[in-house]
Amino acid sequence: MHRRKGWNPFWAALLASLLVLVPLVGGTVLLSHRQLRTQLRQAARSESGIPVQLPKTTDRLTFLLAYLNASQNAFHLLSIPAELTVSFAGEAAPLTRCYTAAGPARCREALAQVLPLPEDTRYLALSPAVLERLAGRFGLIRVGFTGALTDEELARHGGSRAVQGISAGDAHEFLCQLQADPALPPEHCAAARGAVWDAFFRQNLDLLPTVLPDALRSVSSSLLTDLTALDYAALERTLEFLANNAAAVEAQTLPGGWDAVGGTYTLNEASLAAVQAFFNASPTDAQASSASEP
């Protein structure tokens, strides 16, 4: 496969700031209070003035920030716990409720109120079926969960410390099991999902420029996104640059304070430090991280 080795400085400056929010990697949780759900829907519709396409109650919402950093030659991933508390409809609510009520654009807005995201952040929402169809083109990935889950948590869900080859469908099923476990801290669940994404992008980096943008275009009618045709072209050029230069792939999990009784996951000093590192990570550190198995 022929690749151009040069890089236009204009594209480098533009694409270094490309950030994609991927909220739906397999659905949402059923709201515990029907009345609250109705209130949130009404509030969202009054704010947007347009109908909102909502996920199914059998789905599970997950969130991931992806930062394609051309200037540092790195691919940064930040897994966001779905229970993260944000401000929505005049009250504190989990990120999942915001998305369920108002969709990805409003969810991105709520997230930007608590995290210092760039103004040009883009969002991309995928259903489980579409995600599996896209990821299935890349085959199995080799992933380990020892850095994300304890031995007891792995054993409880039939996992092990061994690195294993896993399909997109099996990975989705395993991660949904984790998210449905009330005893599992949200940060651990998000870390396990981050390990899967880390393995996927790292092991398929050479294929991404020629496969991923076209794959997204082929299912564009099934996506919820504000990516334009120009953005897809920018994504393709960015991925090509990163692949040509063997970019580092680094996955982190947003830390925070988990209140199991109240069901809230709130930001703290460690959270803000993690976001700063996400946007300003050292290339040397990122390269060292990517050298180890996820």
Protein backbone atom coordinates (compact mmCIF):
# COMPACT_ATOMS: atom_id res chain seq x y z
CA MET A 1 0.00 0.00 0.00
CA HIS A 2 1.46 3.35 -1.06
CA ARG A 3 1.47 6.14 1.49
CA ARG A 4 2.62 9.72 1.24
CA LYS A 5 5.42 10.51 3.70
CA GLY A 6 5.04 14.27 3.54
CA TRP A 7 2.73 16.29 5.77
CA ASN A 8 1.23 19.66 4.96
CA PRO A 9 1.64 22.05 7.97
CA PHE A 10 -1.88 23.40 7.41
CA TRP A 11 -3.41 19.94 7.88
CA ALA A 12 -1.12 19.25 10.83
CA ALA A 13 -2.39 22.34 12.62
CA LEU A 14 -5.99 21.60 11.75
CA LEU A 15 -6.01 17.91 12.55
CA ALA A 16 -4.09 18.13 15.79
CA SER A 17 -7.29 19.52 17.32
CA LEU A 18 -9.63 16.87 15.95
CA LEU A 19 -11.51 15.34 18.87
CA VAL A 20 -14.29 12.79 18.54
CA LEU A 21 -16.75 11.92 21.28
CA VAL A 22 -18.01 8.35 20.94
CA PRO A 23 -20.96 8.02 23.29
CA LEU A 24 -22.70 4.81 22.23
CA VAL A 25 -20.63 1.65 22.23
CA GLY A 26 -23.57 -0.44 23.24
CA GLY A 27 -26.66 1.30 24.66
CA THR A 28 -28.02 2.85 27.83
CA VAL A 29 -29.30 1.94 31.25
CA LEU A 30 -32.99 1.97 32.08
CA LEU A 31 -33.81 5.04 34.17
CA SER A 32 -34.94 4.21 37.67
CA HIS A 33 -37.56 6.95 37.80
CA ARG A 34 -40.02 7.25 34.91
CA GLN A 35 -41.04 10.73 36.01
CA LEU A 36 -37.48 12.01 35.89
CA ARG A 37 -37.05 10.57 32.41
CA THR A 38 -40.18 12.37 31.22
CA GLN A 39 -38.97 15.64 32.73
CA LEU A 40 -35.58 15.32 31.10
CA ARG A 41 -37.10 14.56 27.70
CA GLN A 42 -39.41 17.55 27.92
CA ALA A 43 -36.55 19.80 28.99
CA ALA A 44 -34.33 18.57 26.16
CA ARG A 45 -37.01 19.08 23.53
CA SER A 46 -37.81 22.55 24.78
CA GLU A 47 -34.11 23.42 24.55
CA SER A 48 -33.48 21.99 21.12
CA GLY A 49 -36.83 22.44 19.41
CA ILE A 50 -36.25 19.27 17.37
CA PRO A 51 -37.14 15.61 17.93
CA VAL A 52 -34.44 13.46 19.51
CA GLN A 53 -33.56 9.93 18.44
CA LEU A 54 -33.24 8.02 21.71
CA PRO A 55 -31.45 4.73 22.39
CA LYS A 56 -33.39 1.64 23.41
CA THR A 57 -33.85 0.86 27.10
CA THR A 58 -32.03 -2.45 26.53
CA ASP A 59 -28.91 -0.60 25.39
CA ARG A 60 -26.00 0.50 27.56
CA LEU A 61 -24.31 3.85 27.13
CA THR A 62 -20.55 4.20 27.16
CA PHE A 63 -18.39 7.23 26.45
CA LEU A 64 -14.94 7.70 24.98
CA LEU A 65 -12.90 10.76 24.05
CA ALA A 66 -10.42 10.24 21.21
CA TYR A 67 -7.76 12.87 20.51
CA LEU A 68 -5.81 12.47 17.28
CA ASN A 69 -2.73 14.53 18.10
CA ALA A 70 -0.65 15.05 14.95
CA SER A 71 1.79 17.48 16.58
CA GLN A 72 2.80 14.87 19.19
CA ASN A 73 2.31 11.90 16.87
CA ALA A 74 -0.03 10.25 19.36
CA PHE A 75 -3.51 8.79 19.57
CA HIS A 76 -4.97 9.58 23.00
CA LEU A 77 -8.06 7.85 24.40
CA LEU A 78 -9.93 8.82 27.55
CA SER A 79 -12.67 6.49 28.79
CA ILE A 80 -15.46 8.36 30.61
CA PRO A 81 -17.59 6.51 33.22
CA ALA A 82 -21.21 6.63 32.13
CA GLU A 83 -22.24 7.62 35.67
CA LEU A 84 -20.32 10.91 35.55
CA THR A 85 -22.46 13.65 37.10
CA VAL A 86 -23.19 16.65 34.86
CA SER A 87 -25.62 19.55 34.95
CA PHE A 88 -28.73 18.95 32.86
CA ALA A 89 -32.26 20.34 32.91
CA GLY A 90 -31.42 22.48 35.93
CA GLU A 91 -30.18 19.64 38.11
CA ALA A 92 -27.35 17.16 38.56
CA ALA A 93 -27.80 14.03 36.46
CA PRO A 94 -25.64 11.15 35.19
CA LEU A 95 -24.21 11.53 31.71
CA THR A 96 -26.36 8.58 30.62
CA ARG A 97 -29.58 10.41 31.50
CA CYS A 98 -28.49 13.47 29.57
CA TYR A 99 -27.82 11.37 26.50
CA THR A 100 -31.00 9.34 26.84
CA ALA A 101 -33.10 12.46 27.08
CA ALA A 102 -31.43 14.74 24.56
CA GLY A 103 -28.96 12.85 22.39
CA PRO A 104 -25.23 13.27 21.72
CA ALA A 105 -25.09 16.98 20.89
CA ARG A 106 -26.63 17.99 24.23
CA CYS A 107 -24.53 15.36 25.97
CA ARG A 108 -21.37 16.89 24.51
CA GLU A 109 -22.51 20.32 25.71
CA ALA A 110 -23.05 19.01 29.24
CA LEU A 111 -19.67 17.30 29.22
CA ALA A 112 -17.97 20.49 28.03
CA GLN A 113 -19.41 22.30 31.06
CA VAL A 114 -17.42 20.10 33.45
CA LEU A 115 -14.35 19.28 31.32
CA PRO A 116 -12.16 21.77 29.38
CA LEU A 117 -12.97 20.40 25.94
CA PRO A 118 -12.01 22.31 22.76
CA GLU A 119 -14.79 24.27 21.08
CA ASP A 120 -14.43 22.21 17.92
CA THR A 121 -15.12 18.88 19.64
CA ARG A 122 -17.08 16.53 17.37
CA TYR A 123 -19.45 13.75 18.42
CA LEU A 124 -20.10 10.34 16.93
CA ALA A 125 -22.73 7.94 18.29
CA LEU A 126 -22.91 4.30 17.21
CA SER A 127 -25.47 1.63 17.97
CA PRO A 128 -24.15 -1.77 19.13
CA ALA A 129 -25.07 -3.41 15.81
CA VAL A 130 -23.31 -0.74 13.74
CA LEU A 131 -20.26 -0.83 16.00
CA GLU A 132 -19.94 -4.60 15.68
CA ARG A 133 -20.34 -4.38 11.91
CA LEU A 134 -17.58 -1.77 11.68
CA ALA A 135 -15.18 -3.45 14.09
CA GLY A 136 -15.81 -6.86 12.55
CA ARG A 137 -13.90 -5.76 9.45
CA PHE A 138 -10.71 -5.76 11.49
CA GLY A 139 -10.97 -9.28 12.93
CA LEU A 140 -9.96 -10.35 16.44
CA ILE A 141 -8.00 -8.14 18.79
CA ARG A 142 -5.61 -9.29 21.53
CA VAL A 143 -6.49 -7.67 24.84
CA GLY A 144 -5.85 -8.19 28.53
CA PHE A 145 -7.81 -6.72 31.43
CA THR A 146 -5.34 -7.12 34.31
CA GLY A 147 -4.63 -3.39 34.42
CA ALA A 148 -8.33 -2.56 34.62
CA LEU A 149 -9.93 -5.27 36.77
CA THR A 150 -8.90 -7.13 39.91
CA ASP A 151 -8.47 -10.90 39.89
CA GLU A 152 -11.73 -11.25 41.81
CA GLU A 153 -13.61 -9.08 39.32
CA LEU A 154 -12.18 -11.05 36.41
CA ALA A 155 -13.11 -14.37 38.00
CA ARG A 156 -16.63 -13.15 38.75
CA HIS A 157 -17.19 -12.54 35.04
CA GLY A 158 -15.41 -15.60 33.70
CA GLY A 159 -12.27 -13.72 32.67
CA SER A 160 -8.59 -14.41 33.34
CA ARG A 161 -5.25 -12.62 33.52
CA ALA A 162 -4.23 -14.00 30.14
CA VAL A 163 -4.12 -11.84 27.03
CA GLN A 164 -6.77 -13.23 24.67
CA GLY A 165 -8.07 -12.81 21.16
CA ILE A 166 -11.61 -11.47 21.20
CA SER A 167 -14.15 -10.42 18.58
CA ALA A 168 -16.09 -7.16 18.63
CA GLY A 169 -19.30 -8.98 19.55
CA ASP A 170 -17.71 -10.91 22.40
CA ALA A 171 -15.98 -7.79 23.69
CA HIS A 172 -19.28 -5.92 23.65
CA GLU A 173 -21.03 -8.73 25.54
CA PHE A 174 -18.29 -8.92 28.17
CA LEU A 175 -18.24 -5.17 28.71
CA CYS A 176 -22.03 -5.05 29.05
CA GLN A 177 -21.76 -7.72 31.76
CA LEU A 178 -19.29 -5.54 33.59
CA GLN A 179 -21.49 -2.47 33.33
CA ALA A 180 -24.47 -4.41 34.69
CA ASP A 181 -22.48 -5.47 37.77
CA PRO A 182 -23.57 -3.17 40.65
CA ALA A 183 -20.50 -4.17 42.69
CA LEU A 184 -18.06 -3.03 40.01
CA PRO A 185 -16.81 0.57 40.41
CA PRO A 186 -17.55 2.65 37.29
CA GLU A 187 -13.87 3.52 36.95
CA HIS A 188 -12.98 -0.18 36.62
CA CYS A 189 -15.66 -0.71 33.98
CA ALA A 190 -14.45 2.32 32.03
CA ALA A 191 -10.85 1.11 32.31
CA ALA A 192 -11.80 -2.28 30.85
CA ARG A 193 -13.50 -0.56 27.94
CA GLY A 194 -10.47 1.67 27.48
CA ALA A 195 -8.26 -1.44 27.29
CA VAL A 196 -10.39 -2.78 24.43
CA TRP A 197 -10.22 0.50 22.50
CA ASP A 198 -6.50 0.80 23.18
CA ALA A 199 -5.90 -2.68 21.74
CA PHE A 200 -8.19 -2.04 18.77
CA PHE A 201 -6.56 1.21 17.66
CA ARG A 202 -3.00 0.11 18.40
CA GLN A 203 -3.22 -3.24 16.64
CA ASN A 204 -5.11 -1.87 13.63
CA LEU A 205 -3.32 1.44 13.21
CA ASP A 206 -1.94 0.55 9.76
CA LEU A 207 -5.42 -0.39 8.50
CA LEU A 208 -7.34 2.57 9.90
CA PRO A 209 -6.54 5.15 7.17
CA THR A 210 -7.90 2.96 4.35
CA VAL A 211 -10.73 1.23 6.22
CA LEU A 212 -12.23 3.34 9.02
CA PRO A 213 -13.28 6.56 7.19
CA ASP A 214 -14.84 4.60 4.31
CA ALA A 215 -16.56 2.28 6.78
CA LEU A 216 -18.07 5.26 8.59
CA ARG A 217 -19.23 6.78 5.31
CA SER A 218 -20.90 3.47 4.36
CA VAL A 219 -23.06 3.53 7.51
CA SER A 220 -23.55 7.30 7.69
CA SER A 221 -27.34 6.95 7.65
CA SER A 222 -27.12 4.88 10.86
CA LEU A 223 -24.93 7.34 12.77
CA LEU A 224 -25.71 10.24 15.05
CA THR A 225 -22.85 12.65 14.38
CA ASP A 226 -21.90 16.18 13.41
CA LEU A 227 -18.95 14.98 11.32
CA THR A 228 -19.13 16.44 7.81
CA ALA A 229 -17.65 15.23 4.54
CA LEU A 230 -14.68 17.53 5.19
CA ASP A 231 -14.27 16.02 8.65
CA TYR A 232 -14.16 12.50 7.20
CA ALA A 233 -11.46 13.63 4.79
CA ALA A 234 -9.57 15.23 7.68
CA LEU A 235 -9.92 12.03 9.70
CA GLU A 236 -8.50 10.01 6.82
CA ARG A 237 -5.49 12.34 6.44
CA THR A 238 -4.88 12.35 10.19
CA LEU A 239 -4.98 8.58 10.45
CA GLU A 240 -2.64 8.30 7.48
CA PHE A 241 -0.15 10.62 9.13
CA LEU A 242 -0.33 8.74 12.45
CA ALA A 243 0.00 5.36 10.77
CA ASN A 244 2.92 6.49 8.60
CA ASN A 245 4.77 7.64 11.70
CA ALA A 246 3.93 4.66 13.96
CA ALA A 247 2.06 6.90 16.38
CA ALA A 248 1.73 5.98 20.04
CA VAL A 249 -1.69 4.89 21.28
CA GLU A 250 -2.42 5.68 24.90
CA ALA A 251 -5.62 4.91 26.84
CA GLN A 252 -6.57 6.42 30.20
CA THR A 253 -9.65 6.42 32.39
CA LEU A 254 -11.14 9.57 33.86
CA PRO A 255 -10.67 9.28 37.65
CA GLY A 256 -13.27 10.63 40.03
CA GLY A 257 -15.15 10.14 43.27
CA TRP A 258 -17.64 7.25 43.27
CA ASP A 259 -20.52 7.31 45.77
CA ALA A 260 -22.00 3.80 45.57
CA VAL A 261 -24.94 4.73 47.81
CA GLY A 262 -25.95 7.83 45.88
CA GLY A 263 -24.90 6.42 42.52
CA THR A 264 -22.86 9.50 41.62
CA TYR A 265 -19.45 9.80 40.00
CA THR A 266 -18.03 13.27 40.51
CA LEU A 267 -14.91 15.08 39.35
CA ASN A 268 -11.99 15.85 41.63
CA GLU A 269 -8.46 17.23 41.29
CA ALA A 270 -7.27 13.97 39.79
CA SER A 271 -9.97 14.25 37.12
CA LEU A 272 -8.80 17.65 35.92
CA ALA A 273 -5.17 16.53 35.99
CA ALA A 274 -6.07 13.52 33.83
CA VAL A 275 -7.82 15.72 31.26
CA GLN A 276 -4.81 18.05 31.13
CA ALA A 277 -2.54 15.04 30.59
CA PHE A 278 -4.92 13.82 27.90
CA PHE A 279 -4.37 16.97 25.86
CA ASN A 280 -0.71 17.56 26.77
CA ALA A 281 0.73 14.07 27.24
CA SER A 282 4.44 13.71 26.66
CA PRO A 283 5.26 11.81 23.45
CA THR A 284 8.03 9.96 25.29
CA ASP A 285 5.64 8.78 27.98
CA ALA A 286 3.03 7.84 25.42
CA GLN A 287 5.53 5.83 23.36
CA ALA A 288 6.66 3.97 26.47
CA SER A 289 3.06 3.18 27.41
CA SER A 290 2.24 1.83 23.97
CA ALA A 291 5.15 -0.61 24.09
CA SER A 292 3.38 -2.80 26.65
CA GLU A 293 0.50 -5.18 26.07
CA PRO A 294 -2.89 -3.66 27.11
